Amino acid sequence: MDQRLCVLNAGSSSLKFAVYGVVDGQPRHTQSGEVDRIGGEGRLRMTTADGKVMHDRIVTAKDHAAALAMLAALPDGPMERHGLIGFGHRVVHGGPNLNAPALVDAATLARIEALEPLAPLHNPPAVAVLKALMALLPALPHVACFDTAFHRGHPAVADRFAIPDTLYREGVRRYGFHGLSYEYIAGALAERTPEIALGRVVVAHLGSGASMCALAGGRSVDSSMGFTALDGLPMGTRSGSIDAGVVLWLQRQKGWDVGQVEQFLYADCGLKGLSGVSNDMRTLLASEAPLAKLAIEYFVYHVARTAGSMAAAMGGIDGMVFTAGIGERSPEIRARVLHRLHWLGFSIDEAANLAGGPLLTRSESALPAYAIPTDEEIVIARHTLARI
C-alpha cells in the first residue's frame, strides 16, 4: 500500500477524516479520526481501521484551518506525505450545475463558495478546509463530492416547486441531500439484498441531520429534503418542513431579520426546540419530560408519514432501510416507525431489531426492513480515486 488518499468531511463544528491505502486499484480503509467541537475545547482522536487508538487528546482549535493544521502536524497522521496521492472532500451543496464529483480548481472552488447561503452550516467549513489544504499541499489534487449529486435525476414533478419557471432556471429547486449515504446504501443493497435492490426501497437516513429517499432501481427518484437541508423531517436542531407563512409571521410580527430567522430555523428548532430538553435522541429517550416524549413521537410520526409519501412517489414499496446514527443504533425508534408502517406490510422481529439486524422483520413479513450502516467516506474515496 505505497499509495494513500485522504477523505475529509468538514461539519459545522468538526473535521472528520479517513485514510485509505490503494490495493489493486481499490481504496482500503487504514485510519480515521476527528477533531470535534471546533471553536472551543474539543478532542482530537485517531484510530486504525481495526480500532487501535493512535491519538486521543484534548485540543483547542479556533477554526477549521487550525484543526487541519493539527492533523497536518501529526507525523503518522492523514497528511503524512509519503505515498499521498490526493484528497476527497464531502461538500453538502453542489447547486444545479455541480452534479458529479469534480476536480477542484479555482473556478470550481468559487462555484462552491457561491453556494454557501444554501448550506450555511456545511459549505463554509468545506471551503475553508479546501482553501487551507490547497495552500498547504498545492501539488496534490482535490476532488469535491456533492451530497446533492445523487438526486439530480429526479423527475420534474419531484424537482420543482410551484413557482415561476424563471426562479427554477436561477436554481430554486428541490435538490435533496445525504446523497453520498444513499449512494452507499444503493450499492450495499445490490451486494446484500439483490432481490429488492432493483425494486422500490425507502431509505431513512436518521441522525442529527435526517432525510429520506425513494430508491427505484437503485436510483433516487425523490427525497424529503429540498432547496436546503432545512426541509423535510424534523432534525436535531433544524425545523424540517415548515409553512413559509411562519417565516413571514416572524418577520412581520416579531420584527426578526434574516439572520435571526436563519439562526432560529437551523439551531433552535427540531427536537431541541420541540422538547426544550435536548437535540440528542438518546437523551430524549431517557427523559420523562412530557415534551421530550412528544418530540420523539413527532419524529416517529413524520418518519412514518414520509415513508408513505416516498412509497407513493414510486407507486409501491418493496422494502425499507434504516441508516445513520439513529437509524443504525436506536432499536426503539426503528420499532416505533415499523409499527406505524404495519399497514404497509412490515412485521417487525423484536429480537432481531434489538440485536441490530441487519434484517429487522419476520420471515412471514410481507415486506422486509433492514438496518444497514452507511459509509459516506468510502464512496468519496472511490470517486476520488477514479478522478485523480
Protein backbone atom coordinates (compact mmCIF):
# COMPACT_ATOMS: atom_id res chain seq x y z
CA MET A 1 0.00 0.00 0.00
CA ASP A 2 2.51 2.62 -1.17
CA GLN A 3 -0.29 4.91 -2.36
CA ARG A 4 -2.67 6.64 0.05
CA LEU A 5 -5.54 9.06 -0.21
CA CYS A 6 -7.35 11.08 2.44
CA VAL A 7 -11.06 11.85 2.70
CA LEU A 8 -12.18 14.94 4.65
CA ASN A 9 -15.66 15.70 5.94
CA ALA A 10 -15.97 19.19 7.40
CA GLY A 11 -19.00 19.66 9.64
CA SER A 12 -20.22 22.86 11.23
CA SER A 13 -18.00 22.30 14.29
CA SER A 14 -15.98 19.21 13.42
CA LEU A 15 -13.45 17.89 10.93
CA LYS A 16 -13.63 14.16 10.28
CA PHE A 17 -11.14 12.26 8.15
CA ALA A 18 -10.44 8.80 6.82
CA VAL A 19 -7.29 7.46 5.19
CA TYR A 20 -7.26 4.75 2.54
CA GLY A 21 -4.45 2.70 1.06
CA VAL A 22 -4.80 1.72 -2.58
CA VAL A 23 -4.79 -2.03 -3.13
CA ASP A 24 -5.36 -3.46 -6.60
CA GLY A 25 -6.83 -0.16 -7.68
CA GLN A 26 -9.35 -0.04 -4.82
CA PRO A 27 -9.35 2.01 -1.59
CA ARG A 28 -8.81 0.08 1.65
CA HIS A 29 -9.53 1.83 4.93
CA THR A 30 -6.49 2.19 7.21
CA GLN A 31 -7.15 5.10 9.60
CA SER A 32 -9.86 7.53 10.62
CA GLY A 33 -10.48 10.22 13.18
CA GLU A 34 -11.90 13.60 14.04
CA VAL A 35 -11.29 16.95 15.60
CA ASP A 36 -14.58 17.90 17.27
CA ARG A 37 -16.03 20.99 18.97
CA ILE A 38 -14.05 23.36 16.77
CA GLY A 39 -14.21 26.88 18.19
CA GLY A 40 -13.78 25.68 21.76
CA GLU A 41 -12.21 22.90 23.79
CA GLY A 42 -12.57 19.70 21.80
CA ARG A 43 -10.93 16.40 21.19
CA LEU A 44 -8.56 15.01 18.57
CA ARG A 45 -8.97 11.29 18.10
CA MET A 46 -7.42 8.95 15.54
CA THR A 47 -7.73 5.17 15.28
CA THR A 48 -6.63 2.42 12.93
CA ALA A 49 -9.19 0.54 10.84
CA ASP A 50 -9.28 -2.22 13.47
CA GLY A 51 -9.95 0.23 16.31
CA LYS A 52 -6.47 0.73 17.77
CA VAL A 53 -6.18 4.23 19.26
CA MET A 54 -3.30 6.21 17.75
CA HIS A 55 -4.10 9.65 19.19
CA ASP A 56 -6.63 10.81 21.75
CA ARG A 57 -6.23 14.16 23.45
CA ILE A 58 -7.99 17.39 24.36
CA VAL A 59 -7.29 20.21 21.91
CA THR A 60 -8.48 23.73 21.17
CA ALA A 61 -8.91 24.67 17.51
CA LYS A 62 -10.25 28.16 16.85
CA ASP A 63 -11.44 27.27 13.35
CA HIS A 64 -11.31 24.54 10.69
CA ALA A 65 -7.96 25.77 9.33
CA ALA A 66 -6.46 25.38 12.81
CA ALA A 67 -7.93 21.87 13.11
CA LEU A 68 -6.42 21.00 9.74
CA ALA A 69 -3.02 22.28 10.87
CA MET A 70 -3.22 19.99 13.91
CA LEU A 71 -3.84 16.99 11.67
CA ALA A 72 -1.05 18.02 9.33
CA ALA A 73 1.37 18.17 12.26
CA LEU A 74 0.81 14.51 13.20
CA PRO A 75 3.82 12.52 11.93
CA ASP A 76 1.65 9.45 11.34
CA GLY A 77 -1.49 11.39 10.51
CA PRO A 78 -3.71 11.77 7.47
CA MET A 79 -1.45 14.32 5.74
CA GLU A 80 1.79 12.38 6.13
CA ARG A 81 3.42 12.98 2.75
CA HIS A 82 4.74 9.51 1.88
CA GLY A 83 2.60 7.95 -0.83
CA LEU A 84 -0.16 10.56 -0.53
CA ILE A 85 -1.83 10.96 -3.94
CA GLY A 86 -4.81 13.24 -3.26
CA PHE A 87 -7.80 14.31 -1.19
CA GLY A 88 -11.52 13.74 -1.41
CA HIS A 89 -13.93 16.21 0.18
CA ARG A 90 -17.59 15.97 1.15
CA VAL A 91 -19.41 19.11 0.01
CA VAL A 92 -23.07 19.29 1.02
CA HIS A 93 -24.47 21.59 -1.69
CA GLY A 94 -23.47 21.47 -5.36
CA GLY A 95 -26.29 23.59 -6.73
CA PRO A 96 -27.81 22.93 -10.16
CA ASN A 97 -24.54 22.51 -12.05
CA LEU A 98 -22.10 20.66 -9.81
CA ASN A 99 -23.88 17.36 -10.30
CA ALA A 100 -20.94 14.92 -10.25
CA PRO A 101 -17.66 14.59 -8.35
CA ALA A 102 -15.26 17.23 -9.64
CA LEU A 103 -11.56 18.02 -9.54
CA VAL A 104 -11.27 21.30 -7.67
CA ASP A 105 -9.64 24.23 -9.41
CA ALA A 106 -10.06 27.95 -8.73
CA ALA A 107 -13.27 28.14 -10.79
CA THR A 108 -14.86 25.12 -9.08
CA LEU A 109 -13.90 26.45 -5.66
CA ALA A 110 -15.55 29.77 -6.49
CA ARG A 111 -18.76 27.99 -7.54
CA ILE A 112 -18.82 26.02 -4.28
CA GLU A 113 -18.22 29.19 -2.30
CA ALA A 114 -21.09 30.95 -4.10
CA LEU A 115 -23.47 28.27 -2.76
CA GLU A 116 -22.69 28.99 0.89
CA PRO A 117 -26.05 30.74 1.54
CA LEU A 118 -27.83 27.48 0.62
CA ALA A 119 -25.83 25.39 3.11
CA PRO A 120 -24.63 27.87 5.75
CA LEU A 121 -23.67 25.19 8.27
CA HIS A 122 -21.75 22.97 5.87
CA ASN A 123 -20.38 24.61 2.71
CA PRO A 124 -18.37 27.35 4.52
CA PRO A 125 -16.24 24.89 6.56
CA ALA A 126 -15.74 22.70 3.47
CA VAL A 127 -14.49 25.75 1.57
CA ALA A 128 -12.23 26.74 4.47
CA VAL A 129 -10.65 23.27 4.54
CA LEU A 130 -10.22 23.21 0.76
CA LYS A 131 -8.52 26.60 0.74
CA ALA A 132 -6.20 25.75 3.63
CA LEU A 133 -5.24 22.37 2.25
CA MET A 134 -4.72 23.63 -1.31
CA ALA A 135 -2.35 26.24 0.11
CA LEU A 136 -0.56 23.66 2.28
CA LEU A 137 -0.19 21.00 -0.44
CA PRO A 138 -0.73 22.79 -3.77
CA ALA A 139 0.69 19.98 -5.91
CA LEU A 140 -1.88 17.36 -4.83
CA PRO A 141 -5.32 17.02 -6.47
CA HIS A 142 -8.60 17.56 -4.63
CA VAL A 143 -11.95 16.01 -5.58
CA ALA A 144 -15.21 17.50 -4.30
CA CYS A 145 -18.09 15.04 -3.89
CA PHE A 146 -21.53 16.59 -3.53
CA ASP A 147 -24.39 15.36 -1.36
CA THR A 148 -26.85 16.77 -3.88
CA ALA A 149 -25.41 14.98 -6.94
CA PHE A 150 -27.10 11.59 -6.38
CA HIS A 151 -30.53 13.25 -6.59
CA ARG A 152 -30.06 15.23 -9.77
CA GLY A 153 -32.02 12.79 -11.95
CA HIS A 154 -35.37 13.43 -10.24
CA PRO A 155 -38.42 13.84 -12.48
CA ALA A 156 -39.65 17.41 -12.90
CA VAL A 157 -42.63 16.89 -10.57
CA ALA A 158 -40.24 15.97 -7.75
CA ASP A 159 -37.58 18.51 -8.71
CA ARG A 160 -39.66 21.70 -8.88
CA PHE A 161 -41.56 23.99 -6.57
CA ALA A 162 -44.83 25.55 -7.69
CA ILE A 163 -43.13 28.84 -8.51
CA PRO A 164 -42.42 30.70 -11.78
CA ASP A 165 -40.06 28.97 -14.18
CA THR A 166 -37.67 31.93 -14.12
CA LEU A 167 -36.80 31.14 -10.50
CA TYR A 168 -36.31 27.46 -11.31
CA ARG A 169 -33.83 28.47 -14.01
CA GLU A 170 -32.00 30.51 -11.39
CA GLY A 171 -31.57 27.34 -9.32
CA VAL A 172 -34.52 27.47 -6.93
CA ARG A 173 -35.47 23.80 -6.93
CA ARG A 174 -35.54 20.71 -4.74
CA TYR A 175 -32.03 19.28 -4.53
CA GLY A 176 -32.13 16.56 -1.88
CA PHE A 177 -29.19 15.81 0.41
CA HIS A 178 -27.33 12.91 2.10
CA GLY A 179 -26.74 11.65 -1.44
CA LEU A 180 -23.37 10.07 -0.63
CA SER A 181 -25.07 8.00 2.08
CA TYR A 182 -27.87 6.95 -0.26
CA GLU A 183 -25.36 6.06 -2.96
CA TYR A 184 -23.60 3.77 -0.49
CA ILE A 185 -26.87 2.13 0.56
CA ALA A 186 -27.86 1.56 -3.08
CA GLY A 187 -24.57 -0.28 -3.61
CA ALA A 188 -24.90 -2.22 -0.35
CA LEU A 189 -28.39 -3.39 -1.33
CA ALA A 190 -27.08 -4.66 -4.67
CA GLU A 191 -24.48 -6.74 -2.80
CA ARG A 192 -26.55 -7.93 0.19
CA THR A 193 -30.18 -8.00 -0.89
CA PRO A 194 -30.29 -8.23 -4.69
CA GLU A 195 -33.90 -9.39 -4.51
CA ILE A 196 -35.03 -5.85 -3.63
CA ALA A 197 -32.06 -3.75 -4.82
CA LEU A 198 -33.62 -3.06 -8.20
CA GLY A 199 -37.08 -2.62 -6.72
CA ARG A 200 -38.67 0.23 -4.76
CA VAL A 201 -36.90 0.92 -1.48
CA VAL A 202 -37.47 3.68 1.06
CA VAL A 203 -34.23 4.63 2.84
CA ALA A 204 -34.32 6.57 6.11
CA HIS A 205 -31.08 8.39 6.90
CA LEU A 206 -31.85 9.29 10.52
CA GLY A 207 -29.35 11.26 12.55
CA SER A 208 -28.88 14.78 13.83
CA GLY A 209 -29.50 15.66 10.21
CA ALA A 210 -32.29 13.47 8.85
CA SER A 211 -33.82 12.78 5.48
CA MET A 212 -35.48 10.04 3.46
CA CYS A 213 -35.04 8.88 -0.11
CA ALA A 214 -37.11 6.90 -2.58
CA LEU A 215 -34.78 4.48 -4.40
CA ALA A 216 -36.22 2.88 -7.54
CA GLY A 217 -33.90 0.59 -9.43
CA GLY A 218 -31.02 1.84 -7.31
CA ARG A 219 -31.61 5.47 -8.33
CA SER A 220 -33.02 8.37 -6.34
CA VAL A 221 -36.44 9.43 -7.62
CA ASP A 222 -37.48 11.62 -4.67
CA SER A 223 -36.14 12.97 -1.39
CA SER A 224 -37.64 14.57 1.69
CA MET A 225 -35.15 17.46 1.59
CA GLY A 226 -35.50 20.32 -0.86
CA PHE A 227 -33.76 23.61 -1.69
CA THR A 228 -31.73 23.45 1.53
CA ALA A 229 -31.03 20.92 4.26
CA LEU A 230 -33.74 22.55 6.38
CA ASP A 231 -36.58 20.76 4.62
CA GLY A 232 -38.38 17.51 5.35
CA LEU A 233 -38.07 15.62 8.63
CA PRO A 234 -37.58 17.33 12.00
CA MET A 235 -33.89 17.11 12.93
CA GLY A 236 -31.70 17.68 15.96
CA THR A 237 -31.87 21.46 15.80
CA ARG A 238 -33.39 22.08 12.33
CA SER A 239 -37.10 22.61 11.88
CA GLY A 240 -37.79 20.36 8.94
CA SER A 241 -40.77 21.29 6.78
CA ILE A 242 -42.50 24.42 7.98
CA ASP A 243 -45.18 26.63 6.49
CA ALA A 244 -43.46 29.57 4.77
CA GLY A 245 -46.11 31.74 6.39
CA VAL A 246 -44.42 31.13 9.75
CA VAL A 247 -41.30 32.84 8.44
CA LEU A 248 -43.38 35.79 7.22
CA TRP A 249 -45.12 35.98 10.60
CA LEU A 250 -41.79 36.01 12.48
CA GLN A 251 -40.56 38.84 10.27
CA ARG A 252 -43.74 40.92 10.42
CA GLN A 253 -44.99 40.31 13.94
CA LYS A 254 -41.69 39.74 15.75
CA GLY A 255 -39.56 42.06 13.60
CA TRP A 256 -36.94 39.35 13.08
CA ASP A 257 -34.31 39.96 10.41
CA VAL A 258 -32.91 37.30 8.06
CA GLY A 259 -30.08 36.42 10.43
CA GLN A 260 -32.46 35.80 13.34
CA VAL A 261 -34.73 33.65 11.20
CA GLU A 262 -31.78 31.64 9.91
CA GLN A 263 -30.40 31.07 13.41
CA PHE A 264 -33.85 30.03 14.63
CA LEU A 265 -34.56 27.52 11.84
CA TYR A 266 -31.10 25.94 11.83
CA ALA A 267 -30.18 25.98 15.52
CA ASP A 268 -33.21 26.44 17.77
CA CYS A 269 -35.89 24.17 16.33
CA GLY A 270 -36.23 20.45 15.65
CA LEU A 271 -36.02 18.03 18.55
CA LYS A 272 -34.24 20.66 20.64
CA GLY A 273 -36.90 23.29 20.14
CA LEU A 274 -39.89 20.99 20.47
CA SER A 275 -38.67 19.17 23.57
CA GLY A 276 -36.93 22.02 25.35
CA VAL A 277 -34.63 19.28 26.64
CA SER A 278 -32.07 18.20 24.05
CA ASN A 279 -31.31 17.71 20.36
CA ASP A 280 -29.94 14.23 21.13
CA MET A 281 -32.38 11.35 20.64
CA ARG A 282 -30.61 9.27 23.30
CA THR A 283 -31.22 11.97 25.90
CA LEU A 284 -34.85 12.30 24.86
CA LEU A 285 -35.46 8.56 25.07
CA ALA A 286 -34.09 8.57 28.63
CA SER A 287 -36.19 11.57 29.67
CA GLU A 288 -39.57 11.53 31.43
CA ALA A 289 -40.35 15.11 30.40
CA PRO A 290 -43.71 15.28 28.55
CA LEU A 291 -42.29 17.46 25.77
CA ALA A 292 -39.37 15.05 25.29
CA LYS A 293 -41.90 12.26 24.75
CA LEU A 294 -43.81 14.49 22.33
CA ALA A 295 -40.62 15.25 20.36
CA ILE A 296 -39.92 11.53 19.97
CA GLU A 297 -43.45 10.77 18.82
CA TYR A 298 -43.38 13.76 16.47
CA PHE A 299 -40.15 12.45 14.91
CA VAL A 300 -41.54 8.91 14.54
CA TYR A 301 -44.81 10.20 13.10
CA HIS A 302 -43.04 12.23 10.42
CA VAL A 303 -40.64 9.41 9.50
CA ALA A 304 -43.61 7.06 9.02
CA ARG A 305 -45.63 9.69 7.18
CA THR A 306 -42.70 10.43 4.86
CA ALA A 307 -42.17 6.72 4.21
CA GLY A 308 -45.75 6.60 2.94
CA SER A 309 -45.14 9.56 0.64
CA MET A 310 -41.92 8.01 -0.71
CA ALA A 311 -43.80 4.77 -1.42
CA ALA A 312 -46.48 6.78 -3.22
CA ALA A 313 -43.81 8.51 -5.31
CA MET A 314 -42.61 5.09 -6.52
CA GLY A 315 -46.06 3.57 -6.97
CA GLY A 316 -45.37 0.99 -4.27
CA ILE A 317 -42.68 -0.31 -1.94
CA ASP A 318 -40.57 -3.47 -1.82
CA GLY A 319 -38.54 -2.79 1.33
CA MET A 320 -37.11 -0.24 3.74
CA VAL A 321 -33.65 0.58 5.11
CA PHE A 322 -32.70 2.46 8.29
CA THR A 323 -29.24 4.05 8.38
CA ALA A 324 -27.11 6.79 10.04
CA GLY A 325 -26.79 7.37 13.79
CA ILE A 326 -30.40 6.97 14.95
CA GLY A 327 -31.35 4.59 12.17
CA GLU A 328 -28.44 2.27 12.89
CA ARG A 329 -28.36 2.45 16.68
CA SER A 330 -31.86 3.07 18.02
CA PRO A 331 -33.98 -0.09 18.16
CA GLU A 332 -36.80 1.85 19.84
CA ILE A 333 -37.13 4.39 17.02
CA ARG A 334 -36.96 1.67 14.37
CA ALA A 335 -39.63 -0.34 16.20
CA ARG A 336 -41.95 2.63 16.58
CA VAL A 337 -41.64 3.54 12.90
CA LEU A 338 -42.22 -0.03 11.71
CA HIS A 339 -45.23 -0.44 14.00
CA ARG A 340 -46.72 2.68 12.41
CA LEU A 341 -46.00 1.15 8.99
CA HIS A 342 -47.58 -2.20 9.78
CA TRP A 343 -50.38 -1.31 7.34
CA LEU A 344 -47.82 -1.38 4.51
CA GLY A 345 -46.89 -4.98 5.33
CA PHE A 346 -43.97 -4.68 7.80
CA SER A 347 -43.99 -7.18 10.66
CA ILE A 348 -41.09 -6.47 12.99
CA ASP A 349 -38.95 -9.17 14.59
CA GLU A 350 -38.41 -7.62 18.02
CA ALA A 351 -35.38 -9.77 18.89
CA ALA A 352 -33.67 -9.12 15.57
CA ASN A 353 -34.35 -5.42 15.92
CA LEU A 354 -32.84 -5.31 19.42
CA ALA A 355 -29.78 -7.16 18.05
CA GLY A 356 -29.37 -4.54 15.32
CA GLY A 357 -30.45 -6.62 12.35
CA PRO A 358 -29.48 -6.37 9.59
CA LEU A 359 -32.88 -7.93 8.84
CA LEU A 360 -35.43 -6.39 11.18
CA THR A 361 -38.61 -8.17 10.07
CA ARG A 362 -40.10 -11.63 10.50
CA SER A 363 -39.78 -14.31 7.82
CA GLU A 364 -43.54 -14.06 7.21
CA SER A 365 -43.46 -10.25 6.90
CA ALA A 366 -44.93 -9.08 3.61
CA LEU A 367 -42.09 -6.54 3.28
CA PRO A 368 -38.51 -6.64 4.61
CA ALA A 369 -36.83 -3.86 6.58
CA TYR A 370 -33.10 -3.61 7.26
CA ALA A 371 -30.61 -1.67 9.37
CA ILE A 372 -27.51 -1.05 7.27
CA PRO A 373 -24.61 1.13 8.48
CA THR A 374 -23.74 3.81 5.95
CA ASP A 375 -20.23 4.73 4.81
CA GLU A 376 -20.06 8.06 3.00
CA GLU A 377 -16.25 8.15 3.21
CA ILE A 378 -15.70 5.02 1.10
CA VAL A 379 -17.98 6.47 -1.57
CA ILE A 380 -15.88 9.65 -1.60
CA ALA A 381 -12.67 7.58 -1.70
CA ARG A 382 -13.88 5.64 -4.74
CA HIS A 383 -14.91 8.78 -6.59
CA THR A 384 -11.60 10.44 -5.71
CA LEU A 385 -9.51 7.51 -6.87
CA ALA A 386 -11.43 7.46 -10.17
CA ARG A 387 -10.63 11.13 -10.87
CA ILE A 388 -7.01 11.65 -9.84
